[in-house]
């Protein structure tokens, strides 16, 4: 019983108290930036900018804790999943998340329907795409395909972000194997945890020329 109370308390802190305090902090920093920024020294402005970065990072960590807590109690189910429906919802979520980015989508499904848990697939795909799309990019092309493989289905995605072909500056992963820091991004950790519900796996790999790709292997159920 005591452990249940502790768990409920931690859930409340991760889901409500901590996010609310972070939102309040971000709001105060935004007011400081809007109303007092011109009166602050250059050194003080740099402190404000760094505080905003730290506040955003803390908000990301709070969301990570909330999602991990939710994952512990999530029970997935296997059902037919239409990839076209999944693709449309992903498009809408990304365009809402990045309103200043122009997306081009190229979905080519050799497999039209898979068996899995719709919620886990949607959550995982959204997380990994958010981890790889730079919020400063103005253009992003996403190419996706699905094909049957031994014992399952492979969903393959390639992201090509703004920049001239061959220019690797647009994406920090292009042209080399993903670093350990990139692999430890909270969104990728969450994506792998969501996929584990369906016993699926995720692999991220460089494409070169300002592009990065990933594959999700979904086993037959």
N, C-alpha and C. Protein backbone atom coordinates (compact mmCIF):
# COMPACT_ATOMS: atom_id res chain seq x y z
N UNK A 1 0.82 -1.20 0.00
CA UNK A 1 0.00 0.00 0.00
C UNK A 1 0.86 1.26 0.00
N UNK A 2 1.93 1.22 0.79
CA UNK A 2 2.81 2.40 0.84
C UNK A 2 3.45 2.65 -0.51
N UNK A 3 3.86 1.57 -1.21
CA UNK A 3 4.48 1.74 -2.53
C UNK A 3 3.46 2.30 -3.53
N UNK A 4 2.17 1.92 -3.38
CA UNK A 4 1.14 2.47 -4.25
C UNK A 4 0.98 3.96 -4.05
N UNK A 5 1.04 4.40 -2.78
CA UNK A 5 0.92 5.83 -2.48
C UNK A 5 2.11 6.60 -3.05
N UNK A 6 3.29 6.00 -2.94
CA UNK A 6 4.49 6.64 -3.48
C UNK A 6 4.38 6.75 -5.00
N UNK A 7 3.89 5.69 -5.62
CA UNK A 7 3.77 5.70 -7.07
C UNK A 7 2.74 6.73 -7.52
N UNK A 8 1.61 6.83 -6.81
CA UNK A 8 0.60 7.83 -7.16
C UNK A 8 1.14 9.24 -6.97
N UNK A 9 1.94 9.43 -5.91
CA UNK A 9 2.54 10.74 -5.67
C UNK A 9 3.52 11.12 -6.77
N UNK A 10 4.33 10.15 -7.18
CA UNK A 10 5.28 10.41 -8.27
C UNK A 10 4.55 10.70 -9.57
N UNK A 11 3.45 9.99 -9.80
CA UNK A 11 2.66 10.23 -11.01
C UNK A 11 2.08 11.64 -11.01
N UNK A 12 1.60 12.08 -9.87
CA UNK A 12 1.04 13.43 -9.76
C UNK A 12 2.11 14.49 -10.02
N UNK A 13 3.29 14.28 -9.44
CA UNK A 13 4.38 15.24 -9.63
C UNK A 13 4.80 15.29 -11.09
N UNK A 14 4.99 14.10 -11.70
CA UNK A 14 5.46 14.04 -13.09
C UNK A 14 4.41 14.53 -14.08
N UNK A 15 3.13 14.29 -13.78
CA UNK A 15 2.07 14.60 -14.74
C UNK A 15 1.50 16.00 -14.58
N UNK A 16 1.54 16.56 -13.35
CA UNK A 16 0.86 17.83 -13.11
C UNK A 16 1.77 18.88 -12.48
N UNK A 17 2.29 18.58 -11.31
CA UNK A 17 3.01 19.61 -10.55
C UNK A 17 4.25 20.13 -11.29
N UNK A 18 5.12 19.23 -11.69
CA UNK A 18 6.36 19.64 -12.35
C UNK A 18 6.09 20.36 -13.67
N UNK A 19 5.24 19.81 -14.58
CA UNK A 19 4.96 20.55 -15.82
C UNK A 19 4.36 21.93 -15.58
N UNK A 20 3.48 22.06 -14.58
CA UNK A 20 2.87 23.36 -14.30
C UNK A 20 3.91 24.38 -13.86
N UNK A 21 4.84 23.95 -13.02
CA UNK A 21 5.89 24.86 -12.56
C UNK A 21 6.82 25.27 -13.70
N UNK A 22 7.09 24.33 -14.60
CA UNK A 22 7.96 24.64 -15.74
C UNK A 22 7.28 25.63 -16.68
N UNK A 23 5.98 25.44 -16.91
CA UNK A 23 5.24 26.38 -17.75
C UNK A 23 5.26 27.77 -17.14
N UNK A 24 5.10 27.86 -15.80
CA UNK A 24 5.16 29.15 -15.13
C UNK A 24 6.54 29.79 -15.29
N UNK A 25 7.59 28.99 -15.17
CA UNK A 25 8.95 29.50 -15.34
C UNK A 25 9.17 30.00 -16.77
N UNK A 26 8.72 29.23 -17.75
CA UNK A 26 8.88 29.64 -19.14
C UNK A 26 8.10 30.93 -19.43
N UNK A 27 6.93 31.06 -18.81
CA UNK A 27 6.14 32.28 -18.99
C UNK A 27 6.84 33.49 -18.43
N UNK A 28 7.44 33.36 -17.25
CA UNK A 28 8.17 34.48 -16.63
C UNK A 28 9.39 34.86 -17.47
N UNK A 29 10.08 33.86 -17.99
CA UNK A 29 11.24 34.14 -18.83
C UNK A 29 10.82 34.84 -20.13
N UNK A 30 9.67 34.44 -20.68
CA UNK A 30 9.18 35.09 -21.88
C UNK A 30 8.82 36.55 -21.61
N UNK A 31 8.18 36.82 -20.45
CA UNK A 31 7.87 38.20 -20.07
C UNK A 31 9.14 39.02 -19.89
N UNK A 32 10.13 38.41 -19.25
CA UNK A 32 11.42 39.10 -19.06
C UNK A 32 12.04 39.44 -20.41
N UNK A 33 11.95 38.50 -21.34
CA UNK A 33 12.52 38.72 -22.67
C UNK A 33 11.77 39.83 -23.41
N UNK A 34 10.45 39.85 -23.30
CA UNK A 34 9.65 40.82 -24.05
C UNK A 34 9.69 42.22 -23.45
N UNK A 35 9.69 42.32 -22.12
CA UNK A 35 9.50 43.61 -21.46
C UNK A 35 10.79 44.24 -20.93
N UNK A 36 11.79 43.44 -20.63
CA UNK A 36 12.99 43.98 -20.00
C UNK A 36 14.27 43.74 -20.79
N UNK A 37 14.17 43.04 -21.92
CA UNK A 37 15.37 42.60 -22.62
C UNK A 37 16.23 43.78 -23.06
N UNK A 38 15.61 44.87 -23.51
CA UNK A 38 16.37 46.02 -23.99
C UNK A 38 17.12 46.73 -22.88
N UNK A 39 16.69 46.55 -21.64
CA UNK A 39 17.33 47.24 -20.51
C UNK A 39 18.39 46.38 -19.83
N UNK A 40 18.55 45.16 -20.30
CA UNK A 40 19.52 44.24 -19.70
C UNK A 40 20.83 44.32 -20.47
N UNK A 41 21.94 44.16 -19.76
CA UNK A 41 23.25 44.16 -20.41
C UNK A 41 23.37 42.96 -21.34
N UNK A 42 24.35 43.01 -22.22
CA UNK A 42 24.56 41.91 -23.15
C UNK A 42 24.85 40.61 -22.40
N UNK A 43 25.59 40.72 -21.32
CA UNK A 43 25.87 39.54 -20.51
C UNK A 43 24.58 39.00 -19.88
N UNK A 44 23.73 39.92 -19.40
CA UNK A 44 22.45 39.50 -18.83
C UNK A 44 21.55 38.85 -19.87
N UNK A 45 21.58 39.36 -21.11
CA UNK A 45 20.78 38.76 -22.17
C UNK A 45 21.20 37.33 -22.45
N UNK A 46 22.51 37.12 -22.40
CA UNK A 46 23.01 35.77 -22.61
C UNK A 46 22.53 34.84 -21.51
N UNK A 47 22.47 35.34 -20.28
CA UNK A 47 21.95 34.53 -19.17
C UNK A 47 20.49 34.19 -19.41
N UNK A 48 19.71 35.14 -19.89
CA UNK A 48 18.29 34.89 -20.17
C UNK A 48 18.15 33.82 -21.25
N UNK A 49 18.94 33.94 -22.30
CA UNK A 49 18.87 32.94 -23.37
C UNK A 49 19.22 31.56 -22.85
N UNK A 50 20.24 31.48 -22.01
CA UNK A 50 20.64 30.18 -21.47
C UNK A 50 19.58 29.63 -20.53
N UNK A 51 18.93 30.50 -19.76
CA UNK A 51 17.85 30.06 -18.88
C UNK A 51 16.68 29.51 -19.69
N UNK A 52 16.37 30.15 -20.83
CA UNK A 52 15.29 29.66 -21.68
C UNK A 52 15.61 28.28 -22.24
N UNK A 53 16.86 28.06 -22.61
CA UNK A 53 17.27 26.75 -23.11
C UNK A 53 17.14 25.70 -22.02
N UNK A 54 17.60 26.05 -20.80
CA UNK A 54 17.52 25.11 -19.67
C UNK A 54 16.05 24.81 -19.34
N UNK A 55 15.20 25.84 -19.37
CA UNK A 55 13.77 25.64 -19.07
C UNK A 55 13.13 24.71 -20.10
N UNK A 56 13.49 24.87 -21.38
CA UNK A 56 12.94 24.00 -22.41
C UNK A 56 13.43 22.58 -22.23
N UNK A 57 14.71 22.44 -21.89
CA UNK A 57 15.26 21.10 -21.66
C UNK A 57 14.56 20.44 -20.48
N UNK A 58 14.29 21.21 -19.43
CA UNK A 58 13.60 20.68 -18.26
C UNK A 58 12.18 20.27 -18.63
N UNK A 59 11.52 21.06 -19.48
CA UNK A 59 10.18 20.71 -19.95
C UNK A 59 10.21 19.39 -20.74
N UNK A 60 11.24 19.21 -21.54
CA UNK A 60 11.38 17.96 -22.29
C UNK A 60 11.55 16.78 -21.33
N UNK A 61 12.34 16.98 -20.27
CA UNK A 61 12.56 15.91 -19.30
C UNK A 61 11.28 15.58 -18.55
N UNK A 62 10.49 16.60 -18.23
CA UNK A 62 9.21 16.37 -17.54
C UNK A 62 8.27 15.57 -18.43
N UNK A 63 8.24 15.90 -19.73
CA UNK A 63 7.41 15.13 -20.65
C UNK A 63 7.89 13.70 -20.76
N UNK A 64 9.21 13.51 -20.75
CA UNK A 64 9.78 12.17 -20.80
C UNK A 64 9.33 11.35 -19.59
N UNK A 65 9.40 11.93 -18.40
CA UNK A 65 8.99 11.23 -17.19
C UNK A 65 7.50 10.88 -17.24
N UNK A 66 6.69 11.82 -17.74
CA UNK A 66 5.25 11.59 -17.84
C UNK A 66 4.95 10.44 -18.80
N UNK A 67 5.63 10.44 -19.96
CA UNK A 67 5.39 9.40 -20.94
C UNK A 67 5.86 8.03 -20.44
N UNK A 68 7.01 8.00 -19.76
CA UNK A 68 7.51 6.73 -19.23
C UNK A 68 6.57 6.19 -18.17
N UNK A 69 6.01 7.08 -17.36
CA UNK A 69 5.05 6.67 -16.33
C UNK A 69 3.79 6.10 -16.99
N UNK A 70 3.36 6.74 -18.08
CA UNK A 70 2.17 6.26 -18.78
C UNK A 70 2.43 4.91 -19.46
N UNK A 71 3.66 4.73 -19.93
CA UNK A 71 4.01 3.48 -20.60
C UNK A 71 3.92 2.28 -19.67
N UNK A 72 4.22 2.51 -18.39
CA UNK A 72 4.24 1.41 -17.43
C UNK A 72 2.87 0.75 -17.30
N UNK A 73 1.82 1.52 -17.50
CA UNK A 73 0.47 0.98 -17.33
C UNK A 73 -0.24 0.74 -18.67
N UNK A 74 0.47 0.95 -19.79
CA UNK A 74 -0.18 0.80 -21.09
C UNK A 74 -0.18 -0.66 -21.52
N UNK A 75 -1.30 -1.11 -22.00
CA UNK A 75 -1.42 -2.47 -22.52
C UNK A 75 -1.81 -2.37 -23.99
N UNK A 76 -0.92 -2.79 -24.86
CA UNK A 76 -1.18 -2.71 -26.29
C UNK A 76 -2.09 -3.83 -26.77
N UNK A 77 -2.59 -3.70 -27.98
CA UNK A 77 -3.43 -4.73 -28.57
C UNK A 77 -3.07 -4.85 -30.04
N UNK A 78 -3.25 -6.05 -30.57
CA UNK A 78 -2.96 -6.30 -31.98
C UNK A 78 -4.24 -6.20 -32.79
N UNK A 79 -4.19 -5.41 -33.85
CA UNK A 79 -5.34 -5.23 -34.72
C UNK A 79 -4.84 -4.77 -36.08
N UNK A 80 -5.63 -4.89 -37.13
CA UNK A 80 -5.20 -4.40 -38.44
C UNK A 80 -5.01 -2.88 -38.41
N UNK A 81 -3.89 -2.42 -38.95
CA UNK A 81 -3.57 -0.99 -39.00
C UNK A 81 -3.36 -0.60 -40.45
N UNK A 82 -4.19 0.31 -40.96
CA UNK A 82 -4.04 0.81 -42.33
C UNK A 82 -2.94 1.86 -42.36
N UNK A 83 -1.92 1.63 -43.15
CA UNK A 83 -0.78 2.54 -43.18
C UNK A 83 -1.15 3.91 -43.73
N UNK A 84 -2.10 3.98 -44.65
CA UNK A 84 -2.52 5.27 -45.17
C UNK A 84 -3.14 6.13 -44.07
N UNK A 85 -3.94 5.52 -43.21
CA UNK A 85 -4.54 6.25 -42.09
C UNK A 85 -3.47 6.72 -41.12
N UNK A 86 -2.51 5.85 -40.83
CA UNK A 86 -1.40 6.20 -39.95
C UNK A 86 -0.60 7.36 -40.53
N UNK A 87 -0.34 7.32 -41.84
CA UNK A 87 0.44 8.36 -42.51
C UNK A 87 -0.27 9.71 -42.43
N UNK A 88 -1.59 9.72 -42.66
CA UNK A 88 -2.34 10.98 -42.61
C UNK A 88 -2.29 11.61 -41.23
N UNK A 89 -2.39 10.78 -40.20
CA UNK A 89 -2.35 11.35 -38.85
C UNK A 89 -0.96 11.88 -38.51
N UNK A 90 0.08 11.19 -38.94
CA UNK A 90 1.45 11.66 -38.72
C UNK A 90 1.66 13.00 -39.43
N UNK A 91 1.18 13.12 -40.67
CA UNK A 91 1.30 14.38 -41.41
C UNK A 91 0.65 15.53 -40.63
N UNK A 92 -0.54 15.29 -40.13
CA UNK A 92 -1.24 16.34 -39.38
C UNK A 92 -0.50 16.74 -38.12
N UNK A 93 0.03 15.76 -37.40
CA UNK A 93 0.75 16.05 -36.15
C UNK A 93 2.01 16.85 -36.42
N UNK A 94 2.75 16.48 -37.46
CA UNK A 94 4.00 17.18 -37.77
C UNK A 94 3.73 18.61 -38.25
N UNK A 95 2.73 18.79 -39.07
CA UNK A 95 2.42 20.13 -39.56
C UNK A 95 1.91 21.03 -38.44
N UNK A 96 1.29 20.43 -37.43
CA UNK A 96 0.86 21.19 -36.26
C UNK A 96 2.05 21.53 -35.38
N UNK A 97 2.96 20.57 -35.22
CA UNK A 97 4.13 20.76 -34.36
C UNK A 97 5.12 21.75 -34.97
N UNK A 98 5.27 21.75 -36.29
CA UNK A 98 6.24 22.61 -36.97
C UNK A 98 5.50 23.47 -38.01
N UNK A 99 4.73 24.46 -37.57
CA UNK A 99 3.91 25.25 -38.51
C UNK A 99 4.73 26.07 -39.50
N UNK A 100 6.01 26.33 -39.19
CA UNK A 100 6.84 27.15 -40.07
C UNK A 100 7.69 26.30 -41.03
N UNK A 101 7.51 24.99 -40.97
CA UNK A 101 8.26 24.10 -41.84
C UNK A 101 7.36 23.59 -42.97
N UNK A 102 7.87 23.63 -44.19
CA UNK A 102 7.12 23.11 -45.34
C UNK A 102 7.51 21.65 -45.54
N UNK A 103 6.54 20.77 -45.38
CA UNK A 103 6.79 19.34 -45.50
C UNK A 103 6.36 18.83 -46.88
N UNK A 104 7.15 17.89 -47.39
CA UNK A 104 6.79 17.14 -48.58
C UNK A 104 6.79 15.67 -48.19
N UNK A 105 5.67 14.99 -48.42
CA UNK A 105 5.54 13.60 -48.02
C UNK A 105 5.45 12.70 -49.25
N UNK A 106 6.19 11.62 -49.22
CA UNK A 106 6.16 10.62 -50.29
C UNK A 106 5.97 9.26 -49.64
N UNK A 107 4.72 8.79 -49.59
CA UNK A 107 4.40 7.51 -48.96
C UNK A 107 4.19 6.46 -50.05
N UNK A 108 4.99 5.43 -50.04
CA UNK A 108 4.85 4.35 -51.01
C UNK A 108 4.80 3.03 -50.24
N UNK A 109 3.58 2.53 -50.07
CA UNK A 109 3.39 1.33 -49.27
C UNK A 109 3.23 0.10 -50.17
N UNK A 110 4.21 -0.78 -50.15
CA UNK A 110 4.05 -2.07 -50.83
C UNK A 110 3.19 -3.01 -49.99
N UNK A 111 3.09 -2.70 -48.71
CA UNK A 111 2.19 -3.39 -47.79
C UNK A 111 1.19 -2.36 -47.31
N UNK A 112 -0.09 -2.59 -47.55
CA UNK A 112 -1.09 -1.58 -47.22
C UNK A 112 -1.58 -1.65 -45.78
N UNK A 113 -1.51 -2.82 -45.19
CA UNK A 113 -2.05 -2.99 -43.84
C UNK A 113 -1.13 -3.91 -43.05
N UNK A 114 -0.90 -3.59 -41.79
CA UNK A 114 -0.11 -4.43 -40.92
C UNK A 114 -0.92 -4.75 -39.68
N UNK A 115 -0.45 -5.70 -38.91
CA UNK A 115 -1.11 -6.05 -37.65
C UNK A 115 -0.22 -5.55 -36.51
N UNK A 116 -0.78 -4.71 -35.67
CA UNK A 116 -0.03 -4.15 -34.55
C UNK A 116 -0.93 -3.29 -33.69
N UNK A 117 -0.32 -2.52 -32.82
CA UNK A 117 -1.07 -1.61 -31.96
C UNK A 117 -0.97 -0.20 -32.53
N UNK A 118 -2.08 0.35 -32.96
CA UNK A 118 -2.08 1.65 -33.64
C UNK A 118 -1.47 2.74 -32.78
N UNK A 119 -1.84 2.78 -31.50
CA UNK A 119 -1.37 3.84 -30.61
C UNK A 119 0.15 3.80 -30.44
N UNK A 120 0.71 2.61 -30.25
CA UNK A 120 2.15 2.53 -30.05
C UNK A 120 2.90 2.93 -31.32
N UNK A 121 2.39 2.51 -32.49
CA UNK A 121 3.05 2.87 -33.74
C UNK A 121 3.01 4.38 -33.98
N UNK A 122 1.84 4.98 -33.76
CA UNK A 122 1.71 6.42 -33.96
C UNK A 122 2.62 7.19 -33.01
N UNK A 123 2.63 6.81 -31.74
CA UNK A 123 3.46 7.49 -30.75
C UNK A 123 4.93 7.34 -31.08
N UNK A 124 5.35 6.13 -31.42
CA UNK A 124 6.76 5.88 -31.71
C UNK A 124 7.22 6.64 -32.94
N UNK A 125 6.44 6.61 -34.01
CA UNK A 125 6.82 7.31 -35.23
C UNK A 125 6.88 8.82 -35.01
N UNK A 126 5.93 9.35 -34.26
CA UNK A 126 5.95 10.79 -33.98
C UNK A 126 7.17 11.17 -33.17
N UNK A 127 7.51 10.35 -32.17
CA UNK A 127 8.67 10.65 -31.32
C UNK A 127 9.96 10.65 -32.13
N UNK A 128 10.16 9.63 -32.95
CA UNK A 128 11.43 9.53 -33.67
C UNK A 128 11.54 10.62 -34.73
N UNK A 129 10.44 10.97 -35.38
CA UNK A 129 10.48 12.06 -36.36
C UNK A 129 10.78 13.39 -35.68
N UNK A 130 10.19 13.62 -34.51
CA UNK A 130 10.46 14.86 -33.79
C UNK A 130 11.91 14.93 -33.34
N UNK A 131 12.52 13.79 -33.07
CA UNK A 131 13.92 13.79 -32.62
C UNK A 131 14.87 14.09 -33.77
N UNK A 132 14.45 13.84 -35.01
CA UNK A 132 15.34 14.00 -36.16
C UNK A 132 15.09 15.27 -36.96
N UNK A 133 13.90 15.87 -36.81
CA UNK A 133 13.59 17.11 -37.54
C UNK A 133 14.08 18.30 -36.74
N UNK A 134 14.90 19.11 -37.34
CA UNK A 134 15.39 20.32 -36.68
C UNK A 134 14.30 21.39 -36.67
N UNK A 135 14.02 22.00 -35.50
CA UNK A 135 12.97 23.03 -35.45
C UNK A 135 13.31 24.28 -36.24
N UNK A 136 14.57 24.43 -36.65
CA UNK A 136 14.97 25.62 -37.41
C UNK A 136 14.86 25.41 -38.92
N UNK A 137 14.57 24.16 -39.34
CA UNK A 137 14.49 23.89 -40.78
C UNK A 137 13.22 24.50 -41.37
N UNK A 138 13.32 24.94 -42.61
CA UNK A 138 12.16 25.49 -43.31
C UNK A 138 11.57 24.50 -44.30
N UNK A 139 12.32 23.49 -44.67
CA UNK A 139 11.81 22.47 -45.57
C UNK A 139 12.23 21.09 -45.07
N UNK A 140 11.36 20.12 -45.25
CA UNK A 140 11.69 18.75 -44.87
C UNK A 140 10.90 17.79 -45.75
N UNK A 141 11.60 16.92 -46.43
CA UNK A 141 10.95 15.89 -47.24
C UNK A 141 11.04 14.56 -46.50
N UNK A 142 9.90 13.88 -46.39
CA UNK A 142 9.85 12.59 -45.71
C UNK A 142 9.40 11.54 -46.70
N UNK A 143 10.26 10.57 -46.94
CA UNK A 143 9.93 9.46 -47.84
C UNK A 143 9.76 8.20 -46.99
N UNK A 144 8.70 7.48 -47.25
CA UNK A 144 8.43 6.28 -46.47
C UNK A 144 7.99 5.14 -47.36
N UNK A 145 8.34 3.94 -46.95
CA UNK A 145 7.92 2.75 -47.68
C UNK A 145 7.73 1.61 -46.69
N UNK A 146 6.95 0.64 -47.10
CA UNK A 146 6.72 -0.56 -46.29
C UNK A 146 6.90 -1.78 -47.16
N UNK A 147 7.56 -2.79 -46.63
CA UNK A 147 7.75 -4.03 -47.39
C UNK A 147 7.74 -5.21 -46.43
N UNK A 148 7.30 -6.31 -46.96
CA UNK A 148 7.28 -7.55 -46.18
C UNK A 148 8.70 -8.12 -46.10
N UNK A 149 9.08 -8.54 -44.92
CA UNK A 149 10.37 -9.20 -44.71
C UNK A 149 10.11 -10.49 -43.94
N UNK A 150 11.15 -11.25 -43.77
CA UNK A 150 10.99 -12.51 -43.04
C UNK A 150 10.50 -12.23 -41.62
N UNK A 151 9.41 -12.85 -41.26
CA UNK A 151 8.83 -12.76 -39.92
C UNK A 151 8.23 -11.40 -39.58
N UNK A 152 8.00 -10.54 -40.59
CA UNK A 152 7.41 -9.26 -40.22
C UNK A 152 7.32 -8.28 -41.37
N UNK A 153 7.22 -7.01 -41.00
CA UNK A 153 7.12 -5.90 -41.95
C UNK A 153 8.13 -4.83 -41.57
N UNK A 154 8.81 -4.28 -42.56
CA UNK A 154 9.78 -3.21 -42.33
C UNK A 154 9.21 -1.90 -42.84
N UNK A 155 9.11 -0.92 -41.95
CA UNK A 155 8.75 0.45 -42.33
C UNK A 155 10.04 1.25 -42.42
N UNK A 156 10.32 1.81 -43.59
CA UNK A 156 11.56 2.55 -43.80
C UNK A 156 11.25 4.02 -44.09
N UNK A 157 11.95 4.91 -43.41
CA UNK A 157 11.75 6.34 -43.56
C UNK A 157 13.08 7.01 -43.87
N UNK A 158 13.05 7.99 -44.75
CA UNK A 158 14.21 8.83 -45.03
C UNK A 158 13.77 10.28 -44.93
N UNK A 159 14.52 11.08 -44.16
CA UNK A 159 14.25 12.51 -44.00
C UNK A 159 15.34 13.29 -44.71
N UNK A 160 14.92 14.19 -45.60
CA UNK A 160 15.85 15.08 -46.29
C UNK A 160 15.49 16.50 -45.87
N UNK A 161 16.38 17.12 -45.10
CA UNK A 161 16.11 18.46 -44.59
C UNK A 161 16.75 19.53 -45.44
N UNK A 162 16.38 20.78 -45.21
CA UNK A 162 16.83 21.90 -46.03
C UNK A 162 18.33 21.93 -46.19
N UNK A 163 18.77 22.44 -47.35
CA UNK A 163 20.20 22.50 -47.63
C UNK A 163 20.49 21.90 -48.99
N UNK A 164 21.57 22.34 -49.58
CA UNK A 164 21.93 21.85 -50.90
C UNK A 164 22.36 20.39 -50.82
N UNK A 165 22.13 19.60 -51.87
CA UNK A 165 22.59 18.21 -51.87
C UNK A 165 24.08 18.12 -51.60
N UNK A 166 24.44 17.22 -50.72
CA UNK A 166 25.84 17.07 -50.35
C UNK A 166 26.25 17.95 -49.19
N UNK A 167 25.37 18.85 -48.77
CA UNK A 167 25.67 19.71 -47.63
C UNK A 167 25.19 19.02 -46.38
N UNK A 168 26.10 18.55 -45.54
CA UNK A 168 25.75 17.79 -44.35
C UNK A 168 25.46 18.67 -43.16
N UNK A 169 25.54 19.99 -43.31
CA UNK A 169 25.35 20.86 -42.16
C UNK A 169 23.92 20.88 -41.69
N UNK A 170 22.96 20.50 -42.58
CA UNK A 170 21.56 20.56 -42.20
C UNK A 170 21.20 19.51 -41.17
N UNK A 171 21.92 18.42 -41.14
CA UNK A 171 21.58 17.35 -40.21
C UNK A 171 22.84 16.84 -39.53
N UNK A 172 22.88 16.84 -38.20
CA UNK A 172 24.08 16.45 -37.49
C UNK A 172 24.40 14.96 -37.61
N UNK A 173 23.45 14.13 -38.04
CA UNK A 173 23.71 12.70 -38.13
C UNK A 173 24.23 12.29 -39.49
N UNK A 174 24.02 13.14 -40.52
CA UNK A 174 24.35 12.71 -41.87
C UNK A 174 25.85 12.55 -42.05
N UNK A 175 26.21 11.54 -42.86
CA UNK A 175 27.61 11.33 -43.19
C UNK A 175 28.39 10.56 -42.17
N UNK A 176 27.76 10.16 -41.06
CA UNK A 176 28.50 9.39 -40.07
C UNK A 176 27.50 8.57 -39.26
N UNK A 177 27.99 7.59 -38.57
CA UNK A 177 27.12 6.77 -37.73
C UNK A 177 26.56 7.62 -36.60
N UNK A 178 25.33 7.37 -36.18
CA UNK A 178 24.76 8.15 -35.09
C UNK A 178 25.62 8.06 -33.84
N UNK A 179 25.88 9.22 -33.23
CA UNK A 179 26.70 9.23 -32.02
C UNK A 179 25.89 8.70 -30.85
N UNK A 180 26.59 8.36 -29.77
CA UNK A 180 25.90 7.86 -28.58
C UNK A 180 24.96 8.92 -28.02
N UNK A 181 25.36 10.20 -28.15
CA UNK A 181 24.50 11.28 -27.66
C UNK A 181 23.20 11.33 -28.45
N UNK A 182 23.29 11.17 -29.77
CA UNK A 182 22.08 11.18 -30.60
C UNK A 182 21.19 10.00 -30.26
N UNK A 183 21.80 8.83 -30.06
CA UNK A 183 21.02 7.64 -29.77
C UNK A 183 20.33 7.73 -28.41
N UNK A 184 20.84 8.61 -27.53
CA UNK A 184 20.26 8.75 -26.20
C UNK A 184 19.24 9.88 -26.11
N UNK A 185 18.88 10.49 -27.23
CA UNK A 185 17.85 11.51 -27.22
C UNK A 185 16.58 10.93 -26.59
N UNK A 186 15.92 11.74 -25.79
CA UNK A 186 14.76 11.25 -25.05
C UNK A 186 13.67 10.77 -25.99
N UNK A 187 13.50 11.44 -27.14
CA UNK A 187 12.47 11.02 -28.07
C UNK A 187 12.76 9.63 -28.63
N UNK A 188 14.03 9.34 -28.90
CA UNK A 188 14.37 8.01 -29.42
C UNK A 188 14.20 6.95 -28.35
N UNK A 189 14.54 7.31 -27.11
CA UNK A 189 14.32 6.38 -26.00
C UNK A 189 12.83 6.06 -25.87
N UNK A 190 12.00 7.10 -25.92
CA UNK A 190 10.56 6.90 -25.84
C UNK A 190 10.05 6.07 -27.02
N UNK A 191 10.55 6.36 -28.22
CA UNK A 191 10.12 5.61 -29.40
C UNK A 191 10.41 4.12 -29.23
N UNK A 192 11.59 3.80 -28.76
CA UNK A 192 11.95 2.39 -28.57
C UNK A 192 11.09 1.73 -27.50
N UNK A 193 10.78 2.48 -26.44
CA UNK A 193 9.95 1.92 -25.38
C UNK A 193 8.53 1.67 -25.88
N UNK A 194 7.98 2.62 -26.67
CA UNK A 194 6.65 2.41 -27.23
C UNK A 194 6.64 1.20 -28.17
N UNK A 195 7.67 1.06 -29.00
CA UNK A 195 7.73 -0.06 -29.93
C UNK A 195 7.89 -1.39 -29.20
N UNK A 196 8.56 -1.37 -28.06
CA UNK A 196 8.76 -2.60 -27.30
C UNK A 196 7.43 -3.21 -26.87
N UNK A 197 6.39 -2.38 -26.72
CA UNK A 197 5.07 -2.89 -26.37
C UNK A 197 4.60 -3.89 -27.42
N UNK A 198 4.94 -3.65 -28.69
CA UNK A 198 4.57 -4.54 -29.78
C UNK A 198 5.72 -5.43 -30.22
N UNK A 199 6.79 -5.47 -29.42
CA UNK A 199 7.99 -6.26 -29.73
C UNK A 199 8.63 -5.81 -31.05
N UNK A 200 8.44 -4.54 -31.41
CA UNK A 200 9.06 -3.99 -32.62
C UNK A 200 10.39 -3.32 -32.25
N UNK A 201 11.23 -3.10 -33.25
CA UNK A 201 12.56 -2.51 -33.02
C UNK A 201 12.77 -1.31 -33.96
N UNK A 202 13.71 -0.46 -33.56
CA UNK A 202 14.02 0.77 -34.31
C UNK A 202 15.51 0.86 -34.55
N UNK A 203 15.88 1.19 -35.78
CA UNK A 203 17.29 1.43 -36.13
C UNK A 203 17.39 2.74 -36.88
N UNK A 204 18.27 3.64 -36.42
CA UNK A 204 18.51 4.92 -37.07
C UNK A 204 19.86 4.85 -37.77
N UNK A 205 19.93 5.38 -39.00
CA UNK A 205 21.18 5.29 -39.74
C UNK A 205 21.33 6.51 -40.65
N UNK A 206 22.58 6.93 -40.93
CA UNK A 206 22.80 8.09 -41.80
C UNK A 206 22.59 7.73 -43.26
N UNK A 207 22.19 8.74 -44.05
CA UNK A 207 22.00 8.58 -45.48
C UNK A 207 23.05 9.37 -46.28
N UNK A 208 23.61 10.41 -45.67
CA UNK A 208 24.51 11.28 -46.39
C UNK A 208 23.75 12.32 -47.18
N UNK A 209 24.41 13.40 -47.55
CA UNK A 209 23.78 14.44 -48.35
C UNK A 209 22.66 15.16 -47.62
N UNK A 210 22.80 15.35 -46.31
CA UNK A 210 21.79 16.07 -45.55
C UNK A 210 20.55 15.26 -45.25
N UNK A 211 20.67 13.93 -45.24
CA UNK A 211 19.52 13.07 -44.99
C UNK A 211 19.83 12.08 -43.88
N UNK A 212 18.77 11.59 -43.26
CA UNK A 212 18.91 10.56 -42.23
C UNK A 212 17.71 9.64 -42.35
N UNK A 213 17.90 8.38 -42.04
CA UNK A 213 16.83 7.41 -42.19
C UNK A 213 16.67 6.54 -40.96
N UNK A 214 15.55 5.86 -40.90
CA UNK A 214 15.35 4.87 -39.83
C UNK A 214 14.41 3.78 -40.32
N UNK A 215 14.54 2.63 -39.70
CA UNK A 215 13.72 1.48 -40.04
C UNK A 215 13.04 0.96 -38.77
N UNK A 216 11.76 0.68 -38.89
CA UNK A 216 11.02 0.03 -37.81
C UNK A 216 10.64 -1.37 -38.29
N UNK A 217 11.07 -2.38 -37.56
CA UNK A 217 10.75 -3.75 -37.90
C UNK A 217 9.63 -4.23 -36.99
N UNK A 218 8.49 -4.56 -37.60
CA UNK A 218 7.32 -4.99 -36.87
C UNK A 218 7.14 -6.48 -37.08
N UNK A 219 7.22 -7.27 -36.03
CA UNK A 219 7.10 -8.73 -36.20
C UNK A 219 5.67 -9.14 -36.52
N UNK A 220 5.53 -10.28 -37.20
CA UNK A 220 4.20 -10.84 -37.40
C UNK A 220 3.63 -11.27 -36.07
N UNK A 221 2.36 -10.96 -35.85
CA UNK A 221 1.72 -11.31 -34.57
C UNK A 221 0.65 -12.38 -34.79
